Amino acid sequence: MSNPISEGIKRLRAQHKLTQTKLADMADIPRATLANMESEQSNPSITLVVKVAQALGVSVDDLISRQSAHVTEVCRKDMPITQLDDGRFSSTRTSPISTQKLQINDISMKPNCYSKGVPHPEGSHELFLCLEGTACVEVQGVEYMVEAGNLIYFHGHLPHCYGNKSTKPVNAVAVVFMA
């Protein structure tokens, strides 16, 4: 008898070219636990199944489905949030974590925010679209003021920072594509 959980994890892990170690890290579980979940005899707790599904950016239904093509809806509450600069900078990863070559982040910056960006791998590209306010994006030490409706594009591996020098909040979308 087949085990839909182990089959789903193996299928999606292979589809996204993830090692057991990488997926276990993304799900915040030990690699041995993930290896056990992939065995035909596994009977993991629902908590573990949910962690792995969230790490893959899919629902539990999608995880246990035998279909390889699917549509995934990700609820805002399940999107990882990074806060920096004492909470003045907030980035919500809106793209599923399993999307390895594309990251979409919803950025919010309170007044007087200054946050260092994380350089991406060589060959990556970043697009920063300001939706509200005026953002200050620094790339290799040069500042660019990006007003609402405008976009700045740069190579993602370059050192970069985000800031808000105004008294009004800034909302933006950052898209990173990794070649």
Protein backbone atom coordinates (compact mmCIF):
# COMPACT_ATOMS: atom_id res chain seq x y z
CA MET A 1 0.00 0.00 0.00
CA SER A 2 1.37 3.43 -0.94
CA ASN A 3 1.80 6.35 1.43
CA PRO A 4 0.51 9.62 -0.11
CA ILE A 5 2.45 11.79 2.36
CA SER A 6 5.82 10.20 1.60
CA GLU A 7 5.06 10.17 -2.14
CA GLY A 8 4.00 13.84 -2.08
CA ILE A 9 7.07 14.99 -0.18
CA LYS A 10 9.42 13.07 -2.50
CA ARG A 11 7.59 14.32 -5.62
CA LEU A 12 7.57 17.98 -4.60
CA ARG A 13 11.10 17.89 -3.23
CA ALA A 14 12.35 16.47 -6.55
CA GLN A 15 10.22 18.93 -8.54
CA HIS A 16 11.86 21.84 -6.71
CA LYS A 17 15.32 20.24 -6.79
CA LEU A 18 15.68 20.32 -3.02
CA THR A 19 17.86 18.01 -0.96
CA GLN A 20 16.45 16.48 2.20
CA THR A 21 18.77 18.73 4.20
CA LYS A 22 17.58 21.91 2.45
CA LEU A 23 13.87 21.05 2.80
CA ALA A 24 14.35 20.03 6.44
CA ASP A 25 16.05 23.38 7.12
CA MET A 26 13.23 25.23 5.36
CA ALA A 27 10.65 23.33 7.45
CA ASP A 28 12.71 23.76 10.65
CA ILE A 29 12.77 20.02 11.35
CA PRO A 30 15.68 17.55 11.63
CA ARG A 31 16.81 15.95 8.36
CA ALA A 32 16.31 12.49 9.91
CA THR A 33 12.66 13.37 10.60
CA LEU A 34 12.17 14.35 6.97
CA ALA A 35 13.88 11.15 5.80
CA ASN A 36 11.49 9.18 8.01
CA MET A 37 8.51 11.09 6.57
CA GLU A 38 9.61 10.00 3.09
CA SER A 39 9.58 6.32 4.04
CA GLU A 40 6.54 4.20 3.10
CA GLN A 41 6.00 3.23 6.76
CA SER A 42 5.91 6.79 8.08
CA ASN A 43 2.99 8.10 10.08
CA PRO A 44 4.00 11.70 10.88
CA SER A 45 2.05 14.06 13.08
CA ILE A 46 -0.14 16.64 11.39
CA THR A 47 2.18 19.33 12.79
CA LEU A 48 5.12 17.90 10.83
CA VAL A 49 3.04 17.52 7.67
CA VAL A 50 1.90 21.16 7.92
CA LYS A 51 5.51 22.36 8.45
CA VAL A 52 6.71 20.52 5.34
CA ALA A 53 3.73 21.70 3.27
CA GLN A 54 4.35 25.33 4.30
CA ALA A 55 8.06 25.01 3.52
CA LEU A 56 7.13 23.76 0.05
CA GLY A 57 4.59 26.56 -0.37
CA VAL A 58 1.68 24.15 -0.84
CA SER A 59 -1.42 23.13 1.10
CA VAL A 60 -1.61 19.77 2.89
CA ASP A 61 -4.12 18.71 0.20
CA ASP A 62 -1.57 19.51 -2.51
CA LEU A 63 1.10 17.63 -0.60
CA ILE A 64 -0.90 14.42 -0.49
CA SER A 65 -2.42 14.83 -3.96
CA ARG A 66 -1.12 12.47 -6.62
CA GLN A 67 -1.31 15.22 -9.23
CA SER A 68 1.89 16.98 -10.25
CA ALA A 69 0.24 20.13 -11.64
CA HIS A 70 -1.68 22.24 -9.14
CA VAL A 71 -2.60 25.71 -8.08
CA THR A 72 -1.50 26.82 -4.64
CA GLU A 73 -3.15 29.52 -2.59
CA VAL A 74 -0.98 30.86 0.20
CA CYS A 75 -2.71 32.66 3.07
CA ARG A 76 -1.08 35.88 4.30
CA LYS A 77 -0.75 34.41 7.81
CA ASP A 78 1.45 31.63 6.39
CA MET A 79 3.89 33.97 4.63
CA PRO A 80 7.22 34.44 6.40
CA ILE A 81 7.93 37.95 7.65
CA THR A 82 11.33 39.50 8.24
CA GLN A 83 11.51 42.61 10.40
CA LEU A 84 14.64 44.73 10.70
CA ASP A 85 15.67 48.16 11.96
CA ASP A 86 13.66 47.81 15.20
CA GLY A 87 10.51 46.91 13.24
CA ARG A 88 10.67 49.93 10.90
CA PHE A 89 11.45 47.62 7.94
CA SER A 90 9.13 44.70 7.24
CA SER A 91 9.39 42.26 4.33
CA THR A 92 6.73 39.61 3.76
CA ARG A 93 7.76 36.79 1.40
CA THR A 94 4.63 36.54 -0.75
CA SER A 95 6.01 33.98 -3.18
CA PRO A 96 5.95 30.36 -1.99
CA ILE A 97 9.25 29.31 -0.45
CA SER A 98 9.39 26.43 -2.92
CA THR A 99 9.78 28.93 -5.76
CA GLN A 100 13.56 28.81 -5.71
CA LYS A 101 14.43 31.19 -8.57
CA LEU A 102 11.83 33.87 -7.91
CA GLN A 103 11.19 35.81 -4.74
CA ILE A 104 8.40 38.33 -4.36
CA ASN A 105 8.44 40.44 -1.21
CA ASP A 106 5.89 42.94 0.08
CA ILE A 107 7.96 45.71 1.67
CA SER A 108 6.78 48.22 4.29
CA MET A 109 9.06 50.93 5.63
CA LYS A 110 8.18 53.31 8.42
CA PRO A 111 9.71 56.79 8.56
CA ASN A 112 13.45 56.92 9.33
CA CYS A 113 13.90 53.33 8.24
CA TYR A 114 17.30 52.14 7.02
CA SER A 115 17.91 48.47 6.30
CA LYS A 116 20.73 46.66 4.57
CA GLY A 117 19.59 44.36 1.78
CA VAL A 118 20.77 40.77 1.53
CA PRO A 119 22.95 40.34 -1.56
CA HIS A 120 21.63 37.62 -3.84
CA PRO A 121 23.70 35.16 -5.91
CA GLU A 122 25.77 36.36 -8.86
CA GLY A 123 23.56 36.67 -11.96
CA SER A 124 20.41 37.60 -10.01
CA HIS A 125 18.27 40.64 -10.80
CA GLU A 126 16.18 42.74 -8.42
CA LEU A 127 13.26 44.97 -9.30
CA PHE A 128 11.97 47.36 -6.66
CA LEU A 129 8.57 48.92 -7.38
CA CYS A 130 7.51 51.70 -5.03
CA LEU A 131 3.74 51.66 -4.52
CA GLU A 132 3.33 54.41 -1.92
CA GLY A 133 5.64 57.13 -0.61
CA THR A 134 9.22 57.69 -1.71
CA ALA A 135 11.82 55.02 -1.03
CA CYS A 136 15.55 55.54 -0.91
CA VAL A 137 17.34 52.59 -2.51
CA GLU A 138 21.11 52.59 -2.24
CA VAL A 139 23.03 50.41 -4.70
CA GLN A 140 26.82 50.24 -4.37
CA GLY A 141 26.82 53.42 -2.29
CA VAL A 142 24.73 55.48 -4.75
CA GLU A 143 21.29 56.62 -3.52
CA TYR A 144 18.23 56.54 -5.78
CA MET A 145 14.96 58.15 -4.70
CA VAL A 146 12.14 55.95 -6.00
CA GLU A 147 8.76 57.67 -5.98
CA ALA A 148 5.38 55.92 -5.92
CA GLY A 149 4.70 54.27 -9.27
CA ASN A 150 8.38 54.13 -10.22
CA LEU A 151 10.67 51.14 -10.41
CA ILE A 152 14.40 50.65 -9.99
CA TYR A 153 16.21 47.64 -11.43
CA PHE A 154 19.69 46.44 -10.43
CA HIS A 155 21.85 43.35 -10.27
CA GLY A 156 20.87 41.61 -7.04
CA HIS A 157 24.38 40.56 -6.04
CA LEU A 158 25.44 44.20 -5.60
CA PRO A 159 25.46 45.64 -2.07
CA HIS A 160 22.18 47.48 -1.52
CA CYS A 161 20.12 49.14 1.22
CA TYR A 162 16.54 50.33 1.58
CA GLY A 163 15.44 53.44 3.40
CA ASN A 164 12.64 55.87 4.08
CA LYS A 165 13.83 59.42 4.72
CA SER A 166 10.33 60.90 4.73
CA THR A 167 7.70 61.25 7.45
CA LYS A 168 5.22 59.04 5.55
CA PRO A 169 5.27 55.25 5.23
CA VAL A 170 6.62 53.53 2.14
CA ASN A 171 5.07 50.43 0.60
CA ALA A 172 6.82 48.58 -2.20
CA VAL A 173 7.24 45.26 -3.93
CA ALA A 174 10.67 43.73 -4.44
CA VAL A 175 11.04 40.98 -7.01
CA VAL A 176 14.27 38.96 -7.20
CA PHE A 177 14.94 36.64 -10.11
CA MET A 178 17.86 34.26 -9.81
CA ALA A 179 19.31 32.90 -13.05
